[in-house]
Amino acid sequence: MSRIYLYDPRNKPHAQRLRREMTPQERHLWYDFLRNCPAQFRRQKQFGPYIVDFYCAEAKLVIELDGTQHYEEDAVAADRKRDETLANLGLQVLRYSNADIGRSFGAVCEDIMKHL
């Protein structure tokens, strides 16, 4: 595996734009849970070529929210590669669908707490 650089200054504008333009589900999770969570989370954190939705350094935990495009064949393979790369950096990735946030928000929050 090639070396993964944790920060690429070329990704900074993209990460900043993603923070400004969060999806409704990302906003809900951030403002209604993660922002005031006992463990500190960051939004749109860079790891090499990847920008993860939420990251907790203390728990080495990544949270990804997936829209319907993530269930297409090519996206599933790309997400698998991304998760493997992040795992090789010692990070655990939790994935939730946007539907999970809408229908089972409390269960998502409980699951996140179990992993902290």
PDB file of N, CA and C in Angstrom:
ATOM      1  N   MET A   1       0.845  -1.179   0.000  1.00  0.00           N
ATOM      2  CA  MET A   1       0.000   0.000   0.000  1.00  0.00           C
ATOM      3  C   MET A   1       0.889   1.240   0.000  1.00  0.00           C
ATOM      4  N   SER A   2       0.483   2.231  -0.782  1.00  0.00           N
ATOM      5  CA  SER A   2       1.256   3.464  -0.819  1.00  0.00           C
ATOM      6  C   SER A   2       1.024   4.256   0.460  1.00  0.00           C
ATOM      7  N   ARG A   3       1.965   5.119   0.732  1.00  0.00           N
ATOM      8  CA  ARG A   3       1.885   5.932   1.954  1.00  0.00           C
ATOM      9  C   ARG A   3       0.696   6.888   1.872  1.00  0.00           C
ATOM     10  N   ILE A   4      -0.046   6.988   2.961  1.00  0.00           N
ATOM     11  CA  ILE A   4      -1.174   7.915   3.043  1.00  0.00           C
ATOM     12  C   ILE A   4      -0.737   9.129   3.849  1.00  0.00           C
ATOM     13  N   TYR A   5      -0.777  10.284   3.231  1.00  0.00           N
ATOM     14  CA  TYR A   5      -0.484  11.514   3.941  1.00  0.00           C
ATOM     15  C   TYR A   5      -1.788  12.007   4.554  1.00  0.00           C
ATOM     16  N   LEU A   6      -1.744  12.341   5.826  1.00  0.00           N
ATOM     17  CA  LEU A   6      -2.975  12.663   6.528  1.00  0.00           C
ATOM     18  C   LEU A   6      -3.542  14.028   6.159  1.00  0.00           C
ATOM     19  N   TYR A   7      -2.727  14.904   5.624  1.00  0.00           N
ATOM     20  CA  TYR A   7      -3.224  16.231   5.272  1.00  0.00           C
ATOM     21  C   TYR A   7      -2.703  16.617   3.904  1.00  0.00           C
ATOM     22  N   ASP A   8      -3.608  17.024   3.055  1.00  0.00           N
ATOM     23  CA  ASP A   8      -3.247  17.517   1.733  1.00  0.00           C
ATOM     24  C   ASP A   8      -3.856  18.905   1.601  1.00  0.00           C
ATOM     25  N   PRO A   9      -3.029  19.947   1.556  1.00  0.00           N
ATOM     26  CA  PRO A   9      -3.566  21.311   1.522  1.00  0.00           C
ATOM     27  C   PRO A   9      -4.502  21.560   0.340  1.00  0.00           C
ATOM     28  N   ARG A  10      -4.393  20.759  -0.713  1.00  0.00           N
ATOM     29  CA  ARG A  10      -5.286  20.936  -1.863  1.00  0.00           C
ATOM     30  C   ARG A  10      -6.729  20.558  -1.519  1.00  0.00           C
ATOM     31  N   ASN A  11      -6.911  19.751  -0.470  1.00  0.00           N
ATOM     32  CA  ASN A  11      -8.264  19.341  -0.066  1.00  0.00           C
ATOM     33  C   ASN A  11      -8.940  20.337   0.876  1.00  0.00           C
ATOM     34  N   LYS A  12      -8.184  21.287   1.407  1.00  0.00           N
ATOM     35  CA  LYS A  12      -8.739  22.204   2.401  1.00  0.00           C
ATOM     36  C   LYS A  12      -9.977  22.960   1.897  1.00  0.00           C
ATOM     37  N   PRO A  13      -9.944  23.565   0.704  1.00  0.00           N
ATOM     38  CA  PRO A  13     -11.147  24.280   0.245  1.00  0.00           C
ATOM     39  C   PRO A  13     -12.360  23.357   0.111  1.00  0.00           C
ATOM     40  N   HIS A  14     -12.141  22.142  -0.330  1.00  0.00           N
ATOM     41  CA  HIS A  14     -13.246  21.182  -0.476  1.00  0.00           C
ATOM     42  C   HIS A  14     -13.821  20.827   0.899  1.00  0.00           C
ATOM     43  N   ALA A  15     -12.954  20.585   1.874  1.00  0.00           N
ATOM     44  CA  ALA A  15     -13.415  20.258   3.227  1.00  0.00           C
ATOM     45  C   ALA A  15     -14.187  21.439   3.821  1.00  0.00           C
ATOM     46  N   GLN A  16     -13.714  22.649   3.589  1.00  0.00           N
ATOM     47  CA  GLN A  16     -14.408  23.828   4.101  1.00  0.00           C
ATOM     48  C   GLN A  16     -15.788  23.967   3.456  1.00  0.00           C
ATOM     49  N   ARG A  17     -15.867  23.712   2.163  1.00  0.00           N
ATOM     50  CA  ARG A  17     -17.157  23.785   1.467  1.00  0.00           C
ATOM     51  C   ARG A  17     -18.115  22.735   2.011  1.00  0.00           C
ATOM     52  N   LEU A  18     -17.599  21.515   2.258  1.00  0.00           N
ATOM     53  CA  LEU A  18     -18.450  20.459   2.805  1.00  0.00           C
ATOM     54  C   LEU A  18     -18.963  20.819   4.199  1.00  0.00           C
ATOM     55  N   ARG A  19     -18.159  21.515   4.999  1.00  0.00           N
ATOM     56  CA  ARG A  19     -18.616  21.961   6.321  1.00  0.00           C
ATOM     57  C   ARG A  19     -19.737  22.994   6.196  1.00  0.00           C
ATOM     58  N   ARG A  20     -19.599  23.893   5.235  1.00  0.00           N
ATOM     59  CA  ARG A  20     -20.622  24.929   5.033  1.00  0.00           C
ATOM     60  C   ARG A  20     -21.910  24.355   4.452  1.00  0.00           C
ATOM     61  N   GLU A  21     -21.779  23.306   3.634  1.00  0.00           N
ATOM     62  CA  GLU A  21     -22.918  22.779   2.887  1.00  0.00           C
ATOM     63  C   GLU A  21     -23.290  21.363   3.350  1.00  0.00           C
ATOM     64  N   MET A  22     -23.382  21.165   4.642  1.00  0.00           N
ATOM     65  CA  MET A  22     -23.744  19.849   5.162  1.00  0.00           C
ATOM     66  C   MET A  22     -25.133  19.448   4.675  1.00  0.00           C
ATOM     67  N   THR A  23     -25.331  18.141   4.528  1.00  0.00           N
ATOM     68  CA  THR A  23     -26.649  17.632   4.180  1.00  0.00           C
ATOM     69  C   THR A  23     -27.574  17.816   5.381  1.00  0.00           C
ATOM     70  N   PRO A  24     -28.883  17.756   5.178  1.00  0.00           N
ATOM     71  CA  PRO A  24     -29.794  17.854   6.325  1.00  0.00           C
ATOM     72  C   PRO A  24     -29.520  16.791   7.392  1.00  0.00           C
ATOM     73  N   GLN A  25     -29.157  15.590   6.966  1.00  0.00           N
ATOM     74  CA  GLN A  25     -28.877  14.515   7.919  1.00  0.00           C
ATOM     75  C   GLN A  25     -27.592  14.798   8.695  1.00  0.00           C
ATOM     76  N   GLU A  26     -26.571  15.313   8.016  1.00  0.00           N
ATOM     77  CA  GLU A  26     -25.333  15.686   8.706  1.00  0.00           C
ATOM     78  C   GLU A  26     -25.607  16.799   9.709  1.00  0.00           C
ATOM     79  N   ARG A  27     -26.408  17.779   9.325  1.00  0.00           N
ATOM     80  CA  ARG A  27     -26.750  18.875  10.236  1.00  0.00           C
ATOM     81  C   ARG A  27     -27.469  18.341  11.474  1.00  0.00           C
ATOM     82  N   HIS A  28     -28.422  17.443  11.253  1.00  0.00           N
ATOM     83  CA  HIS A  28     -29.190  16.875  12.364  1.00  0.00           C
ATOM     84  C   HIS A  28     -28.255  16.151  13.334  1.00  0.00           C
ATOM     85  N   LEU A  29     -27.399  15.273  12.801  1.00  0.00           N
ATOM     86  CA  LEU A  29     -26.493  14.526  13.667  1.00  0.00           C
ATOM     87  C   LEU A  29     -25.532  15.471  14.381  1.00  0.00           C
ATOM     88  N   TRP A  30     -24.996  16.450  13.685  1.00  0.00           N
ATOM     89  CA  TRP A  30     -24.029  17.381  14.278  1.00  0.00           C
ATOM     90  C   TRP A  30     -24.682  18.256  15.354  1.00  0.00           C
ATOM     91  N   TYR A  31     -25.726  18.963  14.986  1.00  0.00           N
ATOM     92  CA  TYR A  31     -26.306  19.945  15.906  1.00  0.00           C
ATOM     93  C   TYR A  31     -27.123  19.319  17.033  1.00  0.00           C
ATOM     94  N   ASP A  32     -27.669  18.143  16.791  1.00  0.00           N
ATOM     95  CA  ASP A  32     -28.533  17.526  17.798  1.00  0.00           C
ATOM     96  C   ASP A  32     -27.855  16.419  18.599  1.00  0.00           C
ATOM     97  N   PHE A  33     -26.584  16.122  18.280  1.00  0.00           N
ATOM     98  CA  PHE A  33     -25.905  15.092  19.062  1.00  0.00           C
ATOM     99  C   PHE A  33     -24.393  15.301  19.148  1.00  0.00           C
ATOM    100  N   LEU A  34     -23.690  15.236  18.046  1.00  0.00           N
ATOM    101  CA  LEU A  34     -22.221  15.194  18.079  1.00  0.00           C
ATOM    102  C   LEU A  34     -21.584  16.475  18.616  1.00  0.00           C
ATOM    103  N   ARG A  35     -22.157  17.606  18.314  1.00  0.00           N
ATOM    104  CA  ARG A  35     -21.562  18.874  18.739  1.00  0.00           C
ATOM    105  C   ARG A  35     -21.440  18.957  20.261  1.00  0.00           C
ATOM    106  N   ASN A  36     -22.387  18.370  20.983  1.00  0.00           N
ATOM    107  CA  ASN A  36     -22.374  18.415  22.443  1.00  0.00           C
ATOM    108  C   ASN A  36     -22.058  17.064  23.073  1.00  0.00           C
ATOM    109  N   CYS A  37     -21.564  16.147  22.281  1.00  0.00           N
ATOM    110  CA  CYS A  37     -21.201  14.811  22.770  1.00  0.00           C
ATOM    111  C   CYS A  37     -20.029  14.936  23.745  1.00  0.00           C
ATOM    112  N   PRO A  38     -19.960  14.070  24.757  1.00  0.00           N
ATOM    113  CA  PRO A  38     -18.834  14.132  25.706  1.00  0.00           C
ATOM    114  C   PRO A  38     -17.466  13.991  25.027  1.00  0.00           C
ATOM    115  N   ALA A  39     -17.395  13.214  23.963  1.00  0.00           N
ATOM    116  CA  ALA A  39     -16.155  13.093  23.188  1.00  0.00           C
ATOM    117  C   ALA A  39     -16.187  14.146  22.081  1.00  0.00           C
ATOM    118  N   GLN A  40     -15.041  14.770  21.827  1.00  0.00           N
ATOM    119  CA  GLN A  40     -14.995  15.846  20.834  1.00  0.00           C
ATOM    120  C   GLN A  40     -14.935  15.282  19.418  1.00  0.00           C
ATOM    121  N   PHE A  41     -15.822  15.753  18.565  1.00  0.00           N
ATOM    122  CA  PHE A  41     -15.848  15.380  17.151  1.00  0.00           C
ATOM    123  C   PHE A  41     -15.471  16.564  16.292  1.00  0.00           C
ATOM    124  N   ARG A  42     -14.903  16.280  15.149  1.00  0.00           N
ATOM    125  CA  ARG A  42     -14.589  17.267  14.120  1.00  0.00           C
ATOM    126  C   ARG A  42     -15.423  16.935  12.886  1.00  0.00           C
ATOM    127  N   ARG A  43     -15.782  17.968  12.148  1.00  0.00           N
ATOM    128  CA  ARG A  43     -16.513  17.767  10.897  1.00  0.00           C
ATOM    129  C   ARG A  43     -15.551  17.822   9.724  1.00  0.00           C
ATOM    130  N   GLN A  44     -15.805  16.979   8.728  1.00  0.00           N
ATOM    131  CA  GLN A  44     -15.079  16.996   7.464  1.00  0.00           C
ATOM    132  C   GLN A  44     -13.564  16.989   7.659  1.00  0.00           C
ATOM    133  N   LYS A  45     -13.094  15.953   8.326  1.00  0.00           N
ATOM    134  CA  LYS A  45     -11.662  15.782   8.629  1.00  0.00           C
ATOM    135  C   LYS A  45     -10.983  15.061   7.470  1.00  0.00           C
ATOM    136  N   GLN A  46      -9.793  15.539   7.116  1.00  0.00           N
ATOM    137  CA  GLN A  46      -9.025  14.949   6.022  1.00  0.00           C
ATOM    138  C   GLN A  46      -8.160  13.793   6.499  1.00  0.00           C
ATOM    139  N   PHE A  47      -8.145  12.749   5.698  1.00  0.00           N
ATOM    140  CA  PHE A  47      -7.207  11.634   5.849  1.00  0.00           C
ATOM    141  C   PHE A  47      -6.732  11.283   4.455  1.00  0.00           C
ATOM    142  N   GLY A  48      -5.551  11.784   4.102  1.00  0.00           N
ATOM    143  CA  GLY A  48      -5.035  11.553   2.761  1.00  0.00           C
ATOM    144  C   GLY A  48      -6.006  12.102   1.735  1.00  0.00           C
ATOM    145  N   PRO A  49      -6.377  11.278   0.754  1.00  0.00           N
ATOM    146  CA  PRO A  49      -7.291  11.761  -0.284  1.00  0.00           C
ATOM    147  C   PRO A  49      -8.743  11.803   0.174  1.00  0.00           C
ATOM    148  N   TYR A  50      -9.019  11.340   1.375  1.00  0.00           N
ATOM    149  CA  TYR A  50     -10.388  11.226   1.861  1.00  0.00           C
ATOM    150  C   TYR A  50     -10.744  12.355   2.823  1.00  0.00           C
ATOM    151  N   ILE A  51     -12.010  12.729   2.795  1.00  0.00           N
ATOM    152  CA  ILE A  51     -12.565  13.667   3.770  1.00  0.00           C
ATOM    153  C   ILE A  51     -13.733  12.932   4.415  1.00  0.00           C
ATOM    154  N   VAL A  52     -13.607  12.655   5.712  1.00  0.00           N
ATOM    155  CA  VAL A  52     -14.658  11.905   6.400  1.00  0.00           C
ATOM    156  C   VAL A  52     -15.692  12.872   6.970  1.00  0.00           C
ATOM    157  N   ASP A  53     -16.910  12.400   7.142  1.00  0.00           N
ATOM    158  CA  ASP A  53     -17.984  13.268   7.625  1.00  0.00           C
ATOM    159  C   ASP A  53     -17.706  13.767   9.040  1.00  0.00           C
ATOM    160  N   PHE A  54     -17.432  12.834   9.964  1.00  0.00           N
ATOM    161  CA  PHE A  54     -17.175  13.186  11.362  1.00  0.00           C
ATOM    162  C   PHE A  54     -16.040  12.323  11.898  1.00  0.00           C
ATOM    163  N   TYR A  55     -15.222  12.900  12.775  1.00  0.00           N
ATOM    164  CA  TYR A  55     -14.078  12.171  13.317  1.00  0.00           C
ATOM    165  C   TYR A  55     -13.881  12.518  14.786  1.00  0.00           C
ATOM    166  N   CYS A  56     -13.669  11.474  15.596  1.00  0.00           N
ATOM    167  CA  CYS A  56     -13.333  11.642  17.012  1.00  0.00           C
ATOM    168  C   CYS A  56     -11.931  11.072  17.213  1.00  0.00           C
ATOM    169  N   ALA A  57     -10.960  11.942  17.458  1.00  0.00           N
ATOM    170  CA  ALA A  57      -9.572  11.508  17.631  1.00  0.00           C
ATOM    171  C   ALA A  57      -9.404  10.641  18.877  1.00  0.00           C
ATOM    172  N   GLU A  58     -10.072  11.018  19.948  1.00  0.00           N
ATOM    173  CA  GLU A  58      -9.962  10.301  21.219  1.00  0.00           C
ATOM    174  C   GLU A  58     -10.329   8.825  21.065  1.00  0.00           C
ATOM    175  N   ALA A  59     -11.363   8.544  20.283  1.00  0.00           N
ATOM    176  CA  ALA A  59     -11.825   7.162  20.089  1.00  0.00           C
ATOM    177  C   ALA A  59     -11.331   6.558  18.779  1.00  0.00           C
ATOM    178  N   LYS A  60     -10.608   7.350  17.976  1.00  0.00           N
ATOM    179  CA  LYS A  60     -10.173   6.919  16.642  1.00  0.00           C
ATOM    180  C   LYS A  60     -11.371   6.381  15.853  1.00  0.00           C
ATOM    181  N   LEU A  61     -12.429   7.197  15.856  1.00  0.00           N
ATOM    182  CA  LEU A  61     -13.711   6.800  15.297  1.00  0.00           C
ATOM    183  C   LEU A  61     -14.127   7.749  14.180  1.00  0.00           C
ATOM    184  N   VAL A  62     -14.514   7.160  13.061  1.00  0.00           N
ATOM    185  CA  VAL A  62     -15.020   7.897  11.901  1.00  0.00           C
ATOM    186  C   VAL A  62     -16.499   7.564  11.756  1.00  0.00           C
ATOM    187  N   ILE A  63     -17.300   8.570  11.516  1.00  0.00           N
ATOM    188  CA  ILE A  63     -18.725   8.354  11.245  1.00  0.00           C
ATOM    189  C   ILE A  63     -19.013   8.881   9.850  1.00  0.00           C
ATOM    190  N   GLU A  64     -19.608   8.020   9.044  1.00  0.00           N
ATOM    191  CA  GLU A  64     -19.977   8.361   7.679  1.00  0.00           C
ATOM    192  C   GLU A  64     -21.487   8.229   7.529  1.00  0.00           C
ATOM    193  N   LEU A  65     -22.111   9.221   6.920  1.00  0.00           N
ATOM    194  CA  LEU A  65     -23.528   9.161   6.593  1.00  0.00           C
ATOM    195  C   LEU A  65     -23.654   8.949   5.090  1.00  0.00           C
ATOM    196  N   ASP A  66     -24.392   7.928   4.721  1.00  0.00           N
ATOM    197  CA  ASP A  66     -24.477   7.523   3.326  1.00  0.00           C
ATOM    198  C   ASP A  66     -25.843   7.808   2.725  1.00  0.00           C
ATOM    199  N   GLY A  67     -25.827   8.544   1.626  1.00  0.00           N
ATOM    200  CA  GLY A  67     -27.030   8.741   0.829  1.00  0.00           C
ATOM    201  C   GLY A  67     -27.216   7.573  -0.122  1.00  0.00           C
ATOM    202  N   THR A  68     -28.247   7.624  -0.919  1.00  0.00           N
ATOM    203  CA  THR A  68     -28.577   6.496  -1.797  1.00  0.00           C
ATOM    204  C   THR A  68     -27.473   6.190  -2.808  1.00  0.00           C
ATOM    205  N   GLN A  69     -26.675   7.183  -3.197  1.00  0.00           N
ATOM    206  CA  GLN A  69     -25.614   6.948  -4.170  1.00  0.00           C
ATOM    207  C   GLN A  69     -24.570   5.959  -3.644  1.00  0.00           C
ATOM    208  N   HIS A  70     -24.467   5.810  -2.342  1.00  0.00           N
ATOM    209  CA  HIS A  70     -23.489   4.894  -1.757  1.00  0.00           C
ATOM    210  C   HIS A  70     -23.872   3.431  -1.926  1.00  0.00           C
ATOM    211  N   TYR A  71     -25.063   3.159  -2.396  1.00  0.00           N
ATOM    212  CA  TYR A  71     -25.507   1.775  -2.550  1.00  0.00           C
ATOM    213  C   TYR A  71     -25.403   1.289  -3.994  1.00  0.00           C
ATOM    214  N   GLU A  72     -24.871   2.135  -4.869  1.00  0.00           N
ATOM    215  CA  GLU A  72     -24.600   1.726  -6.243  1.00  0.00           C
ATOM    216  C   GLU A  72     -23.310   0.912  -6.252  1.00  0.00           C
ATOM    217  N   GLU A  73     -23.211  -0.011  -7.198  1.00  0.00           N
ATOM    218  CA  GLU A  73     -22.110  -0.984  -7.216  1.00  0.00           C
ATOM    219  C   GLU A  73     -20.725  -0.336  -7.125  1.00  0.00           C
ATOM    220  N   ASP A  74     -20.470   0.677  -7.929  1.00  0.00           N
ATOM    221  CA  ASP A  74     -19.156   1.335  -7.915  1.00  0.00           C
ATOM    222  C   ASP A  74     -18.887   2.013  -6.575  1.00  0.00           C
ATOM    223  N   ALA A  75     -19.908   2.616  -6.000  1.00  0.00           N
ATOM    224  CA  ALA A  75     -19.744   3.321  -4.728  1.00  0.00           C
ATOM    225  C   ALA A  75     -19.486   2.344  -3.582  1.00  0.00           C
ATOM    226  N   VAL A  76     -20.128   1.186  -3.621  1.00  0.00           N
ATOM    227  CA  VAL A  76     -19.902   0.176  -2.583  1.00  0.00           C
ATOM    228  C   VAL A  76     -18.441  -0.245  -2.586  1.00  0.00           C
ATOM    229  N   ALA A  77     -17.893  -0.472  -3.784  1.00  0.00           N
ATOM    230  CA  ALA A  77     -16.482  -0.869  -3.897  1.00  0.00           C
ATOM    231  C   ALA A  77     -15.566   0.263  -3.429  1.00  0.00           C
ATOM    232  N   ALA A  78     -15.876   1.499  -3.793  1.00  0.00           N
ATOM    233  CA  ALA A  78     -15.051   2.638  -3.378  1.00  0.00           C
ATOM    234  C   ALA A  78     -15.111   2.816  -1.862  1.00  0.00           C
ATOM    235  N   ASP A  79     -16.297   2.661  -1.277  1.00  0.00           N
ATOM    236  CA  ASP A  79     -16.427   2.787   0.175  1.00  0.00           C
ATOM    237  C   ASP A  79     -15.670   1.679   0.891  1.00  0.00           C
ATOM    238  N   ARG A  80     -15.685   0.484   0.332  1.00  0.00           N
ATOM    239  CA  ARG A  80     -14.947  -0.634   0.934  1.00  0.00           C
ATOM    240  C   ARG A  80     -13.450  -0.317   0.947  1.00  0.00           C
ATOM    241  N   LYS A  81     -12.923   0.180  -0.174  1.00  0.00           N
ATOM    242  CA  LYS A  81     -11.496   0.536  -0.259  1.00  0.00           C
ATOM    243  C   LYS A  81     -11.173   1.659   0.740  1.00  0.00           C
ATOM    244  N   ARG A  82     -12.032   2.637   0.798  1.00  0.00           N
ATOM    245  CA  ARG A  82     -11.845   3.764   1.718  1.00  0.00           C
ATOM    246  C   ARG A  82     -11.825   3.280   3.163  1.00  0.00           C
ATOM    247  N   ASP A  83     -12.781   2.418   3.530  1.00  0.00           N
ATOM    248  CA  ASP A  83     -12.848   1.889   4.895  1.00  0.00           C
ATOM    249  C   ASP A  83     -11.609   1.066   5.235  1.00  0.00           C
ATOM    250  N   GLU A  84     -11.112   0.291   4.277  1.00  0.00           N
ATOM    251  CA  GLU A  84      -9.892  -0.497   4.503  1.00  0.00           C
ATOM    252  C   GLU A  84      -8.694   0.423   4.729  1.00  0.00           C
ATOM    253  N   THR A  85      -8.591   1.474   3.936  1.00  0.00           N
ATOM    254  CA  THR A  85      -7.492   2.426   4.093  1.00  0.00           C
ATOM    255  C   THR A  85      -7.549   3.082   5.467  1.00  0.00           C
ATOM    256  N   LEU A  86      -8.730   3.502   5.876  1.00  0.00           N
ATOM    257  CA  LEU A  86      -8.887   4.134   7.191  1.00  0.00           C
ATOM    258  C   LEU A  86      -8.602   3.140   8.311  1.00  0.00           C
ATOM    259  N   ALA A  87      -9.014   1.887   8.137  1.00  0.00           N
ATOM    260  CA  ALA A  87      -8.727   0.849   9.138  1.00  0.00           C
ATOM    261  C   ALA A  87      -7.222   0.633   9.265  1.00  0.00           C
ATOM    262  N   ASN A  88      -6.508   0.709   8.158  1.00  0.00           N
ATOM    263  CA  ASN A  88      -5.047   0.563   8.192  1.00  0.00           C
ATOM    264  C   ASN A  88      -4.376   1.721   8.928  1.00  0.00           C
ATOM    265  N   LEU A  89      -5.083   2.817   9.089  1.00  0.00           N
ATOM    266  CA  LEU A  89      -4.583   3.947   9.877  1.00  0.00           C
ATOM    267  C   LEU A  89      -4.995   3.819  11.345  1.00  0.00           C
ATOM    268  N   GLY A  90      -5.662   2.707  11.675  1.00  0.00           N
ATOM    269  CA  GLY A  90      -6.082   2.471  13.052  1.00  0.00           C
ATOM    270  C   GLY A  90      -7.432   3.077  13.406  1.00  0.00           C
ATOM    271  N   LEU A  91      -8.222   3.415  12.397  1.00  0.00           N
ATOM    272  CA  LEU A  91      -9.509   4.054  12.623  1.00  0.00           C
ATOM    273  C   LEU A  91     -10.653   3.058  12.428  1.00  0.00           C
ATOM    274  N   GLN A  92     -11.679   3.205  13.240  1.00  0.00           N
ATOM    275  CA  GLN A  92     -12.891   2.408  13.075  1.00  0.00           C
ATOM    276  C   GLN A  92     -13.918   3.278  12.356  1.00  0.00           C
ATOM    277  N   VAL A  93     -14.580   2.716  11.356  1.00  0.00           N
ATOM    278  CA  VAL A  93     -15.565   3.456  10.576  1.00  0.00           C
ATOM    279  C   VAL A  93     -16.963   2.933  10.884  1.00  0.00           C
ATOM    280  N   LEU A  94     -17.840   3.839  11.269  1.00  0.00           N
ATOM    281  CA  LEU A  94     -19.256   3.516  11.445  1.00  0.00           C
ATOM    282  C   LEU A  94     -20.012   4.175  10.301  1.00  0.00           C
ATOM    283  N   ARG A  95     -20.847   3.406   9.627  1.00  0.00           N
ATOM    284  CA  ARG A  95     -21.644   3.934   8.521  1.00  0.00           C
ATOM    285  C   ARG A  95     -23.119   3.837   8.866  1.00  0.00           C
ATOM    286  N   TYR A  96     -23.821   4.932   8.613  1.00  0.00           N
ATOM    287  CA  TYR A  96     -25.266   4.976   8.792  1.00  0.00           C
ATOM    288  C   TYR A  96     -25.872   5.574   7.530  1.00  0.00           C
ATOM    289  N   SER A  97     -27.027   5.080   7.169  1.00  0.00           N
ATOM    290  CA  SER A  97     -27.708   5.647   6.009  1.00  0.00           C
ATOM    291  C   SER A  97     -28.430   6.927   6.426  1.00  0.00           C
ATOM    292  N   ASN A  98     -28.705   7.766   5.445  1.00  0.00           N
ATOM    293  CA  ASN A  98     -29.492   8.956   5.728  1.00  0.00           C
ATOM    294  C   ASN A  98     -30.860   8.558   6.276  1.00  0.00           C
ATOM    295  N   ALA A  99     -31.391   7.428   5.793  1.00  0.00           N
ATOM    296  CA  ALA A  99     -32.687   6.943   6.292  1.00  0.00           C
ATOM    297  C   ALA A  99     -32.591   6.594   7.779  1.00  0.00           C
ATOM    298  N   ASP A 100     -31.445   6.033   8.214  1.00  0.00           N
ATOM    299  CA  ASP A 100     -31.257   5.723   9.643  1.00  0.00           C
ATOM    300  C   ASP A 100     -31.378   6.993  10.483  1.00  0.00           C
ATOM    301  N   ILE A 101     -30.802   8.070   9.995  1.00  0.00           N
ATOM    302  CA  ILE A 101     -30.845   9.342  10.730  1.00  0.00           C
ATOM    303  C   ILE A 101     -32.288   9.831  10.827  1.00  0.00           C
ATOM    304  N   GLY A 102     -33.046   9.681   9.753  1.00  0.00           N
ATOM    305  CA  GLY A 102     -34.425  10.147   9.742  1.00  0.00           C
ATOM    306  C   GLY A 102     -35.375   9.282  10.559  1.00  0.00           C
ATOM    307  N   ARG A 103     -35.173   7.970  10.512  1.00  0.00           N
ATOM    308  CA  ARG A 103     -36.133   7.058  11.148  1.00  0.00           C
ATOM    309  C   ARG A 103     -35.718   6.588  12.534  1.00  0.00           C
ATOM    310  N   SER A 104     -34.409   6.468  12.766  1.00  0.00           N
ATOM    311  CA  SER A 104     -33.920   5.852  14.009  1.00  0.00           C
ATOM    312  C   SER A 104     -32.812   6.676  14.644  1.00  0.00           C
ATOM    313  N   PHE A 105     -33.023   7.972  14.738  1.00  0.00           N
ATOM    314  CA  PHE A 105     -31.979   8.872  15.231  1.00  0.00           C
ATOM    315  C   PHE A 105     -31.477   8.456  16.614  1.00  0.00           C
ATOM    316  N   GLY A 106     -32.373   8.143  17.513  1.00  0.00           N
ATOM    317  CA  GLY A 106     -31.983   7.748  18.869  1.00  0.00           C
ATOM    318  C   GLY A 106     -31.125   6.501  18.865  1.00  0.00           C
ATOM    319  N   ALA A 107     -31.472   5.528  18.024  1.00  0.00           N
ATOM    320  CA  ALA A 107     -30.690   4.288  17.938  1.00  0.00           C
ATOM    321  C   ALA A 107     -29.304   4.559  17.369  1.00  0.00           C
ATOM    322  N   VAL A 108     -29.204   5.455  16.400  1.00  0.00           N
ATOM    323  CA  VAL A 108     -27.898   5.832  15.842  1.00  0.00           C
ATOM    324  C   VAL A 108     -27.041   6.450  16.946  1.00  0.00           C
ATOM    325  N   CYS A 109     -27.611   7.362  17.699  1.00  0.00           N
ATOM    326  CA  CYS A 109     -26.861   8.025  18.781  1.00  0.00           C
ATOM    327  C   CYS A 109     -26.413   7.006  19.836  1.00  0.00           C
ATOM    328  N   GLU A 110     -27.274   6.077  20.195  1.00  0.00           N
ATOM    329  CA  GLU A 110     -26.909   5.030  21.148  1.00  0.00           C
ATOM    330  C   GLU A 110     -25.763   4.167  20.612  1.00  0.00           C
ATOM    331  N   ASP A 111     -25.826   3.831  19.333  1.00  0.00           N
ATOM    332  CA  ASP A 111     -24.771   3.016  18.737  1.00  0.00           C
ATOM    333  C   ASP A 111     -23.438   3.757  18.744  1.00  0.00           C
ATOM    334  N   ILE A 112     -23.455   5.030  18.434  1.00  0.00           N
ATOM    335  CA  ILE A 112     -22.229   5.824  18.463  1.00  0.00           C
ATOM    336  C   ILE A 112     -21.659   5.827  19.878  1.00  0.00           C
ATOM    337  N   MET A 113     -22.502   6.033  20.877  1.00  0.00           N
ATOM    338  CA  MET A 113     -22.044   6.055  22.269  1.00  0.00           C
ATOM    339  C   MET A 113     -21.410   4.723  22.666  1.00  0.00           C
ATOM    340  N   LYS A 114     -21.913   3.612  22.163  1.00  0.00           N
ATOM    341  CA  LYS A 114     -21.335   2.299  22.467  1.00  0.00           C
ATOM    342  C   LYS A 114     -19.909   2.177  21.952  1.00  0.00           C
ATOM    343  N   HIS A 115     -19.592   2.922  20.884  1.00  0.00           N
ATOM    344  CA  HIS A 115     -18.265   2.825  20.273  1.00  0.00           C
ATOM    345  C   HIS A 115     -17.270   3.850  20.809  1.00  0.00           C
ATOM    346  N   LEU A 116     -17.732   4.722  21.685  1.00  0.00           N
ATOM    347  CA  LEU A 116     -16.815   5.732  22.245  1.00  0.00           C
ATOM    348  C   LEU A 116     -16.079   5.210  23.455  1.00  0.00           C
TER     349      LEU A 116
END
